[in-house]
Amino acid sequence: GLFQRVKNKINQNMKDTLSKERSAVTAALFLGDRQDYFGPVHKSFKLTGTLHYLALSGLHLGLILLPFLILFRVKRVTPRWQLMLSLPLLVFYLCVVGPIPSLIRAFISFACLALAIWKGRNIATFNVLCLLAMICLFVNPAQIHSAGFYMTFAALGGIVFVGARVLQLWPGNNLF
């Protein structure tokens, strides 16, 4: 379909402009495409203990979203609109790379946060984490047996609770 053609076109552009090793790593990092990635590159990531960075996750959603958020800021789009304009971009990205559970969990958490901010609600982080867990388990109850499911919530919990403490120390911490 359309999204597979987009993915193939992006992948081909990377192969045409980057070296074989760099295009393989870039395709793995941003598209989850590992067909050209095995070999010395895979071995290097495995030996350095960084292989997990190639598993698509919320980190990758953030990397895809970052240039758009910078563009929105330059164009003076309000933070609330930045969040809402980001949702369709992330949906498009999810359609291109496919239904990867960790990306879907990251998208649902971003969407919950964006909608809460859009509606001007106070964000009770524990409640948002619980809502995210309920939505994820409603969509796919078998996730309860997935280590990735638990790692998602451990990472989000750490980001939310530790991040909140760090932001309190940071001058001018009003992000939204």
Protein backbone atom coordinates (compact mmCIF):
# COMPACT_ATOMS: atom_id res chain seq x y z
CA GLY A 1 0.00 0.00 0.00
CA LEU A 2 0.82 3.68 0.19
CA PHE A 3 2.73 3.52 3.48
CA GLN A 4 4.92 0.63 2.32
CA ARG A 5 5.78 2.61 -0.83
CA VAL A 6 6.71 5.62 1.34
CA LYS A 7 8.88 3.40 3.54
CA ASN A 8 10.56 1.84 0.49
CA LYS A 9 11.19 5.29 -1.04
CA ILE A 10 12.76 6.61 2.18
CA ASN A 11 14.87 3.48 2.47
CA GLN A 12 16.02 3.78 -1.15
CA ASN A 13 16.92 7.45 -0.66
CA MET A 14 19.07 6.47 2.32
CA LYS A 15 20.81 3.77 0.29
CA ASP A 16 21.44 6.23 -2.55
CA THR A 17 22.93 8.95 -0.33
CA LEU A 18 24.63 7.11 2.54
CA SER A 19 27.26 4.40 2.75
CA LYS A 20 26.02 0.83 3.09
CA GLU A 21 26.73 0.72 6.84
CA ARG A 22 25.20 4.13 7.54
CA SER A 23 22.09 3.46 5.51
CA ALA A 24 21.64 0.12 7.31
CA VAL A 25 21.91 1.76 10.75
CA THR A 26 19.70 4.70 9.74
CA ALA A 27 17.04 2.38 8.32
CA ALA A 28 17.11 0.33 11.52
CA LEU A 29 16.99 3.45 13.72
CA PHE A 30 14.18 5.31 12.00
CA LEU A 31 12.21 2.72 10.03
CA GLY A 32 12.73 -0.46 12.03
CA ASP A 33 14.03 -1.99 8.81
CA ARG A 34 16.83 -4.42 9.65
CA GLN A 35 17.14 -6.35 6.41
CA ASP A 36 20.51 -4.78 5.48
CA TYR A 37 21.65 -4.32 9.02
CA PHE A 38 23.01 -7.72 10.00
CA GLY A 39 26.73 -8.35 9.75
CA PRO A 40 29.58 -6.23 11.11
CA VAL A 41 27.25 -3.36 12.06
CA HIS A 42 25.03 -5.67 14.12
CA LYS A 43 28.08 -7.19 15.77
CA SER A 44 29.43 -3.73 16.70
CA PHE A 45 26.17 -2.71 18.34
CA LYS A 46 25.96 -6.02 20.17
CA LEU A 47 29.55 -5.82 21.45
CA THR A 48 29.11 -2.26 22.72
CA GLY A 49 25.82 -3.06 24.47
CA THR A 50 23.88 -0.54 22.38
CA LEU A 51 21.77 -2.98 20.36
CA HIS A 52 18.63 -1.95 22.24
CA TYR A 53 18.82 1.55 20.68
CA LEU A 54 17.78 0.00 17.38
CA ALA A 55 14.50 -1.31 18.81
CA LEU A 56 11.94 1.33 17.86
CA SER A 57 10.48 3.04 20.92
CA GLY A 58 9.41 6.39 22.29
CA LEU A 59 12.96 7.65 21.78
CA HIS A 60 12.48 7.23 18.05
CA LEU A 61 9.12 9.01 18.10
CA GLY A 62 10.88 11.90 19.78
CA LEU A 63 13.68 11.90 17.19
CA ILE A 64 11.14 11.95 14.36
CA LEU A 65 9.12 14.68 16.05
CA LEU A 66 12.00 16.96 17.07
CA PRO A 67 12.60 18.69 13.70
CA PHE A 68 8.87 19.41 13.40
CA LEU A 69 8.72 20.87 16.90
CA ILE A 70 11.69 23.08 16.10
CA LEU A 71 9.96 24.20 12.89
CA PHE A 72 6.74 24.90 14.81
CA ARG A 73 8.68 27.02 17.31
CA VAL A 74 10.40 28.96 14.53
CA LYS A 75 7.00 29.58 12.92
CA ARG A 76 5.71 30.70 16.35
CA VAL A 77 3.05 28.03 16.62
CA THR A 78 1.69 27.98 20.16
CA PRO A 79 2.80 25.03 22.31
CA ARG A 80 -0.78 23.70 22.50
CA TRP A 81 -1.05 23.69 18.70
CA GLN A 82 2.41 22.16 18.40
CA LEU A 83 1.16 19.15 20.33
CA MET A 84 -2.01 18.82 18.27
CA LEU A 85 -0.20 19.20 14.95
CA SER A 86 2.26 16.55 16.08
CA LEU A 87 -0.41 13.85 16.46
CA PRO A 88 -1.14 13.38 12.71
CA LEU A 89 2.60 13.40 11.97
CA LEU A 90 3.12 10.61 14.49
CA VAL A 91 0.15 8.65 13.13
CA PHE A 92 1.69 8.89 9.66
CA TYR A 93 5.04 7.66 11.02
CA LEU A 94 3.32 4.74 12.78
CA CYS A 95 1.59 3.80 9.53
CA VAL A 96 4.92 3.86 7.67
CA VAL A 97 6.88 1.72 10.16
CA GLY A 98 4.00 -0.57 11.11
CA PRO A 99 2.28 -1.54 14.35
CA ILE A 100 5.23 -1.93 16.68
CA PRO A 101 3.91 -2.31 20.27
CA SER A 102 6.52 -0.04 21.87
CA LEU A 103 5.77 2.73 19.35
CA ILE A 104 2.04 2.36 19.88
CA ARG A 105 2.52 2.66 23.65
CA ALA A 106 4.69 5.75 23.15
CA PHE A 107 2.13 7.30 20.81
CA ILE A 108 -0.75 6.63 23.20
CA SER A 109 1.18 8.24 26.06
CA PHE A 110 2.02 11.29 23.91
CA ALA A 111 -1.60 11.55 22.74
CA CYS A 112 -2.93 11.39 26.32
CA LEU A 113 -0.49 14.09 27.38
CA ALA A 114 -1.25 16.26 24.33
CA LEU A 115 -5.01 16.01 24.83
CA ALA A 116 -4.74 16.83 28.54
CA ILE A 117 -2.63 19.89 27.78
CA TRP A 118 -4.95 20.90 24.93
CA LYS A 119 -7.96 20.78 27.24
CA GLY A 120 -6.07 22.75 29.90
CA ARG A 121 -6.29 19.94 32.43
CA ASN A 122 -3.95 19.52 35.33
CA ILE A 123 -1.83 16.53 34.56
CA ALA A 124 -1.81 13.96 37.33
CA THR A 125 1.09 11.86 36.09
CA PHE A 126 0.19 8.73 38.00
CA ASN A 127 -3.33 8.89 36.54
CA VAL A 128 -1.94 9.34 33.03
CA LEU A 129 0.30 6.29 33.48
CA CYS A 130 -2.67 4.26 34.71
CA LEU A 131 -4.81 5.44 31.78
CA LEU A 132 -2.05 4.52 29.37
CA ALA A 133 -1.77 1.03 30.89
CA MET A 134 -5.54 0.54 30.66
CA ILE A 135 -5.66 1.64 27.01
CA CYS A 136 -2.69 -0.53 26.06
CA LEU A 137 -4.16 -3.58 27.77
CA PHE A 138 -7.57 -2.92 26.25
CA VAL A 139 -6.01 -2.84 22.78
CA ASN A 140 -3.87 -5.93 23.40
CA PRO A 141 -4.36 -7.80 26.69
CA ALA A 142 -1.46 -10.16 25.89
CA GLN A 143 0.95 -7.26 26.53
CA ILE A 144 0.65 -8.00 30.23
CA HIS A 145 3.11 -10.86 29.56
CA SER A 146 5.57 -8.68 27.61
CA ALA A 147 8.78 -7.43 29.19
CA GLY A 148 8.57 -4.43 26.87
CA PHE A 149 5.27 -3.44 28.47
CA TYR A 150 6.88 -3.30 31.91
CA MET A 151 10.01 -1.57 30.61
CA THR A 152 7.82 1.11 29.00
CA PHE A 153 6.20 1.93 32.32
CA ALA A 154 9.47 1.78 34.22
CA ALA A 155 11.01 4.21 31.74
CA LEU A 156 7.98 6.51 31.71
CA GLY A 157 7.77 6.44 35.49
CA GLY A 158 11.43 7.37 35.70
CA ILE A 159 11.09 10.14 33.13
CA VAL A 160 7.99 11.54 34.80
CA PHE A 161 9.05 11.37 38.42
CA VAL A 162 12.76 12.10 38.06
CA GLY A 163 12.16 14.55 35.22
CA ALA A 164 9.69 16.52 37.32
CA ARG A 165 12.29 16.91 40.07
CA VAL A 166 14.94 18.04 37.58
CA LEU A 167 12.56 20.55 35.98
CA GLN A 168 11.88 22.08 39.39
CA LEU A 169 15.58 22.89 39.63
CA TRP A 170 15.78 24.27 36.07
CA PRO A 171 15.27 28.03 35.70
CA GLY A 172 12.23 29.00 33.60
CA ASN A 173 10.79 25.50 33.64
CA ASN A 174 7.36 26.37 32.22
CA LEU A 175 7.34 24.14 29.13
CA PHE A 176 3.68 24.60 28.25
